[in-house]
Amino acid sequence: MTKQEFENKINWDTYGIGYVDVYLPLFDREVVFELFSEDSKNPSITDKMYATVEDVLKLQPNSIEQIEDLLWEECDFSFTVGDYGCEPEDGETVKEAHFREFELFNKQDAYSKSNVQSVQISYESDKLEGRYAEIQVDSASDNLISIIVKNGKIIDYDDDGTNLDWFETDEQYAHNCRIKVMNE
């Protein structure tokens, strides 16, 4: 599909945000792409934004294992630094209680109990060296996170609304921040 054909399918709102359902082989289903245009009066996508769409569409189903790893890491981090009110049973840590209560026993559970919401691509990323997309996921630990795709490669996750320029020089920026917090 050409950029023009893709753009013709986009439904733009009054804020310059475009929505289009696209079949994404990675998840073997349609996913909403949310495209943030610089101009709300005459919205469009840039060539770099379209190249980023193509990057995401080329992600293969074997990338699911990497996503499972990230979602498991997200649950581990969330249950380490947060308290969701799960009471430990005899001999159980608070974190173990959270995994039990949320019925999360492995990375496949973390993936299957998460929900991919959309793929976001913004004109603001045009200012960066890399091409960035954020796969918005409502995680199994009930947090909205962004799985970050840079130049067609899944690199990390962070909170929704992350600052993508952090990942320009350190593709593991958020991961490294999480490790630092957990080691304090």
C-alpha atoms as a PDB file:
ATOM      1  CA  MET A   1       0.000   0.000   0.000  1.00  0.00           C
ATOM      2  CA  THR A   2       1.351   3.427  -0.893  1.00  0.00           C
ATOM      3  CA  LYS A   3       1.502   6.335   1.499  1.00  0.00           C
ATOM      4  CA  GLN A   4      -1.382   8.004  -0.361  1.00  0.00           C
ATOM      5  CA  GLU A   5      -3.537   4.866  -0.221  1.00  0.00           C
ATOM      6  CA  PHE A   6      -2.828   4.543   3.491  1.00  0.00           C
ATOM      7  CA  GLU A   7      -3.573   8.209   4.121  1.00  0.00           C
ATOM      8  CA  ASN A   8      -6.884   7.950   2.258  1.00  0.00           C
ATOM      9  CA  LYS A   9      -8.057   5.377   4.840  1.00  0.00           C
ATOM     10  CA  ILE A  10      -7.321   7.615   7.838  1.00  0.00           C
ATOM     11  CA  ASN A  11     -10.234   9.195   9.700  1.00  0.00           C
ATOM     12  CA  TRP A  12      -9.052  12.539  11.109  1.00  0.00           C
ATOM     13  CA  ASP A  13     -10.601  14.224  14.119  1.00  0.00           C
ATOM     14  CA  THR A  14     -10.685  17.979  14.773  1.00  0.00           C
ATOM     15  CA  TYR A  15      -7.442  17.779  16.771  1.00  0.00           C
ATOM     16  CA  GLY A  16      -5.368  16.395  13.904  1.00  0.00           C
ATOM     17  CA  ILE A  17      -5.347  12.853  15.224  1.00  0.00           C
ATOM     18  CA  GLY A  18      -5.948  10.207  12.590  1.00  0.00           C
ATOM     19  CA  TYR A  19      -7.340   6.742  13.229  1.00  0.00           C
ATOM     20  CA  VAL A  20      -7.115   3.753  10.960  1.00  0.00           C
ATOM     21  CA  ASP A  21      -7.583   0.035  11.626  1.00  0.00           C
ATOM     22  CA  VAL A  22      -4.749  -1.964  10.110  1.00  0.00           C
ATOM     23  CA  TYR A  23      -4.103  -5.697  10.096  1.00  0.00           C
ATOM     24  CA  LEU A  24      -0.909  -6.169  12.097  1.00  0.00           C
ATOM     25  CA  PRO A  25       0.795  -9.534  11.438  1.00  0.00           C
ATOM     26  CA  LEU A  26       2.617  -9.283  14.776  1.00  0.00           C
ATOM     27  CA  PHE A  27      -0.691  -9.778  16.637  1.00  0.00           C
ATOM     28  CA  ASP A  28      -2.571 -11.506  13.814  1.00  0.00           C
ATOM     29  CA  ARG A  29      -5.425  -9.013  14.082  1.00  0.00           C
ATOM     30  CA  GLU A  30      -6.431  -5.467  13.255  1.00  0.00           C
ATOM     31  CA  VAL A  31      -5.048  -2.770  15.509  1.00  0.00           C
ATOM     32  CA  VAL A  32      -5.923   0.926  15.580  1.00  0.00           C
ATOM     33  CA  PHE A  33      -3.099   3.168  14.421  1.00  0.00           C
ATOM     34  CA  GLU A  34      -3.313   6.650  15.951  1.00  0.00           C
ATOM     35  CA  LEU A  35      -1.401   9.210  13.919  1.00  0.00           C
ATOM     36  CA  PHE A  36      -0.672  12.625  15.371  1.00  0.00           C
ATOM     37  CA  SER A  37      -0.415  15.303  12.678  1.00  0.00           C
ATOM     38  CA  GLU A  38       1.347  18.606  13.181  1.00  0.00           C
ATOM     39  CA  ASP A  39      -1.448  20.511  11.430  1.00  0.00           C
ATOM     40  CA  SER A  40      -4.936  19.971  12.855  1.00  0.00           C
ATOM     41  CA  LYS A  41      -6.575  22.048  10.082  1.00  0.00           C
ATOM     42  CA  ASN A  42      -4.999  20.089   7.204  1.00  0.00           C
ATOM     43  CA  PRO A  43      -3.864  16.851   8.832  1.00  0.00           C
ATOM     44  CA  SER A  44      -1.492  14.513   7.043  1.00  0.00           C
ATOM     45  CA  ILE A  45       1.303  12.107   7.785  1.00  0.00           C
ATOM     46  CA  THR A  46       4.920  12.764   6.946  1.00  0.00           C
ATOM     47  CA  ASP A  47       7.102  10.418   4.926  1.00  0.00           C
ATOM     48  CA  LYS A  48       8.926   9.465   8.126  1.00  0.00           C
ATOM     49  CA  MET A  49       5.628   8.677   9.855  1.00  0.00           C
ATOM     50  CA  TYR A  50       4.644   6.427   6.952  1.00  0.00           C
ATOM     51  CA  ALA A  51       8.057   4.712   7.057  1.00  0.00           C
ATOM     52  CA  THR A  52       7.383   4.071  10.758  1.00  0.00           C
ATOM     53  CA  VAL A  53       3.987   2.551   9.901  1.00  0.00           C
ATOM     54  CA  GLU A  54       5.820   0.228   7.499  1.00  0.00           C
ATOM     55  CA  ASP A  55       8.366  -0.621  10.222  1.00  0.00           C
ATOM     56  CA  VAL A  56       5.569  -1.725  12.565  1.00  0.00           C
ATOM     57  CA  LEU A  57       3.797  -3.696   9.848  1.00  0.00           C
ATOM     58  CA  LYS A  58       7.024  -5.626   9.194  1.00  0.00           C
ATOM     59  CA  LEU A  59       7.316  -6.805  12.811  1.00  0.00           C
ATOM     60  CA  GLN A  60       6.993 -10.564  12.683  1.00  0.00           C
ATOM     61  CA  PRO A  61       4.978 -12.827  14.981  1.00  0.00           C
ATOM     62  CA  ASN A  62       8.235 -14.206  16.427  1.00  0.00           C
ATOM     63  CA  SER A  63       8.618 -10.794  18.123  1.00  0.00           C
ATOM     64  CA  ILE A  64       5.828 -11.847  20.493  1.00  0.00           C
ATOM     65  CA  GLU A  65       8.416 -13.566  22.704  1.00  0.00           C
ATOM     66  CA  GLN A  66      10.219 -10.245  23.183  1.00  0.00           C
ATOM     67  CA  ILE A  67       6.899  -8.561  24.006  1.00  0.00           C
ATOM     68  CA  GLU A  68       6.128 -11.345  26.511  1.00  0.00           C
ATOM     69  CA  ASP A  69       9.503 -10.701  28.160  1.00  0.00           C
ATOM     70  CA  LEU A  70       8.795  -6.966  28.396  1.00  0.00           C
ATOM     71  CA  LEU A  71       5.301  -7.516  29.801  1.00  0.00           C
ATOM     72  CA  TRP A  72       6.654  -9.962  32.391  1.00  0.00           C
ATOM     73  CA  GLU A  73       9.322  -7.420  33.333  1.00  0.00           C
ATOM     74  CA  GLU A  74       6.600  -4.781  33.650  1.00  0.00           C
ATOM     75  CA  CYS A  75       4.609  -6.969  36.062  1.00  0.00           C
ATOM     76  CA  ASP A  76       7.715  -7.779  38.092  1.00  0.00           C
ATOM     77  CA  PHE A  77       8.635  -4.105  38.320  1.00  0.00           C
ATOM     78  CA  SER A  78       5.085  -3.003  39.157  1.00  0.00           C
ATOM     79  CA  PHE A  79       4.695  -5.603  41.899  1.00  0.00           C
ATOM     80  CA  THR A  80       8.124  -4.747  43.304  1.00  0.00           C
ATOM     81  CA  VAL A  81       7.611  -0.987  43.582  1.00  0.00           C
ATOM     82  CA  GLY A  82       3.823  -0.820  43.973  1.00  0.00           C
ATOM     83  CA  ASP A  83       1.315  -2.272  46.375  1.00  0.00           C
ATOM     84  CA  TYR A  84      -2.009  -3.379  44.941  1.00  0.00           C
ATOM     85  CA  GLY A  85      -3.246  -4.561  48.335  1.00  0.00           C
ATOM     86  CA  CYS A  86      -2.642  -8.281  47.878  1.00  0.00           C
ATOM     87  CA  GLU A  87      -2.152 -10.048  51.209  1.00  0.00           C
ATOM     88  CA  PRO A  88       0.589 -12.675  51.396  1.00  0.00           C
ATOM     89  CA  GLU A  89      -0.207 -16.182  52.522  1.00  0.00           C
ATOM     90  CA  ASP A  90       2.113 -18.138  54.839  1.00  0.00           C
ATOM     91  CA  GLY A  91       5.704 -18.032  53.599  1.00  0.00           C
ATOM     92  CA  GLU A  92       4.835 -15.807  50.659  1.00  0.00           C
ATOM     93  CA  THR A  93       6.311 -12.390  49.895  1.00  0.00           C
ATOM     94  CA  VAL A  94       4.109  -9.429  49.017  1.00  0.00           C
ATOM     95  CA  LYS A  95       5.342  -9.623  45.420  1.00  0.00           C
ATOM     96  CA  GLU A  96       4.537 -13.344  45.228  1.00  0.00           C
ATOM     97  CA  ALA A  97       1.061 -12.561  46.572  1.00  0.00           C
ATOM     98  CA  HIS A  98       0.545 -10.075  43.765  1.00  0.00           C
ATOM     99  CA  PHE A  99       1.551 -12.605  41.109  1.00  0.00           C
ATOM    100  CA  ARG A 100      -0.782 -15.179  42.690  1.00  0.00           C
ATOM    101  CA  GLU A 101      -3.734 -12.797  43.014  1.00  0.00           C
ATOM    102  CA  PHE A 102      -3.303 -11.576  39.437  1.00  0.00           C
ATOM    103  CA  GLU A 103      -2.906 -15.209  38.298  1.00  0.00           C
ATOM    104  CA  LEU A 104       0.386 -14.448  36.580  1.00  0.00           C
ATOM    105  CA  PHE A 105       2.718 -17.428  36.654  1.00  0.00           C
ATOM    106  CA  ASN A 106       4.869 -16.850  33.572  1.00  0.00           C
ATOM    107  CA  LYS A 107       5.519 -14.450  30.725  1.00  0.00           C
ATOM    108  CA  GLN A 108       2.809 -16.035  28.564  1.00  0.00           C
ATOM    109  CA  ASP A 109       0.251 -15.151  31.260  1.00  0.00           C
ATOM    110  CA  ALA A 110       1.552 -11.574  31.312  1.00  0.00           C
ATOM    111  CA  TYR A 111       0.984 -11.384  27.556  1.00  0.00           C
ATOM    112  CA  SER A 112      -2.368 -13.164  27.409  1.00  0.00           C
ATOM    113  CA  LYS A 113      -3.805 -10.981  30.199  1.00  0.00           C
ATOM    114  CA  SER A 114      -2.627  -7.759  28.536  1.00  0.00           C
ATOM    115  CA  ASN A 115      -4.558  -5.869  25.903  1.00  0.00           C
ATOM    116  CA  VAL A 116      -2.998  -4.095  22.944  1.00  0.00           C
ATOM    117  CA  GLN A 117      -4.891  -0.812  22.574  1.00  0.00           C
ATOM    118  CA  SER A 118      -3.267   0.940  19.616  1.00  0.00           C
ATOM    119  CA  VAL A 119      -0.099   1.942  17.815  1.00  0.00           C
ATOM    120  CA  GLN A 120       0.783   5.625  18.144  1.00  0.00           C
ATOM    121  CA  ILE A 121       3.004   7.527  15.736  1.00  0.00           C
ATOM    122  CA  SER A 122       3.574  11.263  16.046  1.00  0.00           C
ATOM    123  CA  TYR A 123       5.003  13.934  13.778  1.00  0.00           C
ATOM    124  CA  GLU A 124       7.079  14.999  16.817  1.00  0.00           C
ATOM    125  CA  SER A 125       9.311  11.970  16.238  1.00  0.00           C
ATOM    126  CA  ASP A 126      10.339  13.474  12.892  1.00  0.00           C
ATOM    127  CA  LYS A 127      12.747  15.672  14.858  1.00  0.00           C
ATOM    128  CA  LEU A 128      14.564  12.593  16.164  1.00  0.00           C
ATOM    129  CA  GLU A 129      17.166  10.499  14.351  1.00  0.00           C
ATOM    130  CA  GLY A 130      15.233   7.257  14.792  1.00  0.00           C
ATOM    131  CA  ARG A 131      11.768   6.309  13.599  1.00  0.00           C
ATOM    132  CA  TYR A 132       9.550   5.656  16.634  1.00  0.00           C
ATOM    133  CA  ALA A 133       6.201   4.034  17.279  1.00  0.00           C
ATOM    134  CA  GLU A 134       4.569   3.239  20.595  1.00  0.00           C
ATOM    135  CA  ILE A 135       2.450   0.122  20.950  1.00  0.00           C
ATOM    136  CA  GLN A 136      -0.021   1.061  23.671  1.00  0.00           C
ATOM    137  CA  VAL A 137      -0.752  -1.871  25.974  1.00  0.00           C
ATOM    138  CA  ASP A 138      -3.029  -2.153  28.988  1.00  0.00           C
ATOM    139  CA  SER A 139      -0.766  -4.505  30.935  1.00  0.00           C
ATOM    140  CA  ALA A 140      -1.720  -7.476  33.083  1.00  0.00           C
ATOM    141  CA  SER A 141      -0.776  -5.395  36.133  1.00  0.00           C
ATOM    142  CA  ASP A 142      -3.354  -2.805  35.043  1.00  0.00           C
ATOM    143  CA  ASN A 143      -0.971  -0.118  33.782  1.00  0.00           C
ATOM    144  CA  LEU A 144      -1.045   1.636  30.428  1.00  0.00           C
ATOM    145  CA  ILE A 145       2.412   1.290  28.946  1.00  0.00           C
ATOM    146  CA  SER A 146       4.162   1.909  25.634  1.00  0.00           C
ATOM    147  CA  ILE A 147       6.202  -0.780  23.968  1.00  0.00           C
ATOM    148  CA  ILE A 148       8.717   1.238  21.998  1.00  0.00           C
ATOM    149  CA  VAL A 149       9.600   0.399  18.420  1.00  0.00           C
ATOM    150  CA  LYS A 150      12.670   2.132  17.018  1.00  0.00           C
ATOM    151  CA  ASN A 151      13.658   1.718  13.373  1.00  0.00           C
ATOM    152  CA  GLY A 152      11.563  -1.431  13.083  1.00  0.00           C
ATOM    153  CA  LYS A 153      12.915  -3.076  16.240  1.00  0.00           C
ATOM    154  CA  ILE A 154      11.236  -3.493  19.633  1.00  0.00           C
ATOM    155  CA  ILE A 155      13.653  -1.927  22.109  1.00  0.00           C
ATOM    156  CA  ASP A 156      11.997  -1.354  25.509  1.00  0.00           C
ATOM    157  CA  TYR A 157       8.823  -0.317  27.289  1.00  0.00           C
ATOM    158  CA  ASP A 158       7.999   2.690  29.413  1.00  0.00           C
ATOM    159  CA  ASP A 159       5.001   4.473  30.857  1.00  0.00           C
ATOM    160  CA  ASP A 160       2.428   5.868  28.458  1.00  0.00           C
ATOM    161  CA  GLY A 161       3.555   9.302  27.275  1.00  0.00           C
ATOM    162  CA  THR A 162       7.250   8.533  27.521  1.00  0.00           C
ATOM    163  CA  ASN A 163       9.836  10.940  26.150  1.00  0.00           C
ATOM    164  CA  LEU A 164      11.137   9.182  23.052  1.00  0.00           C
ATOM    165  CA  ASP A 165      14.289  11.258  22.730  1.00  0.00           C
ATOM    166  CA  TRP A 166      15.598   9.407  25.817  1.00  0.00           C
ATOM    167  CA  PHE A 167      15.957   6.359  23.557  1.00  0.00           C
ATOM    168  CA  GLU A 168      18.056   8.071  20.918  1.00  0.00           C
ATOM    169  CA  THR A 169      21.392   7.301  22.591  1.00  0.00           C
ATOM    170  CA  ASP A 170      20.290   4.570  25.010  1.00  0.00           C
ATOM    171  CA  GLU A 171      17.742   2.127  23.627  1.00  0.00           C
ATOM    172  CA  GLN A 172      17.452   0.577  27.093  1.00  0.00           C
ATOM    173  CA  TYR A 173      16.954   3.903  28.863  1.00  0.00           C
ATOM    174  CA  ALA A 174      13.737   2.962  30.681  1.00  0.00           C
ATOM    175  CA  HIS A 175      15.010  -0.534  31.500  1.00  0.00           C
ATOM    176  CA  ASN A 176      18.139   0.957  33.031  1.00  0.00           C
ATOM    177  CA  CYS A 177      16.020   3.381  35.082  1.00  0.00           C
ATOM    178  CA  ARG A 178      13.899   0.485  36.351  1.00  0.00           C
ATOM    179  CA  ILE A 179      17.009  -1.466  37.366  1.00  0.00           C
ATOM    180  CA  LYS A 180      18.314   1.584  39.213  1.00  0.00           C
ATOM    181  CA  VAL A 181      15.015   1.991  41.127  1.00  0.00           C
ATOM    182  CA  MET A 182      14.927  -1.704  42.048  1.00  0.00           C
ATOM    183  CA  ASN A 183      18.526  -1.585  43.311  1.00  0.00           C
ATOM    184  CA  GLU A 184      17.919   1.388  45.635  1.00  0.00           C
END
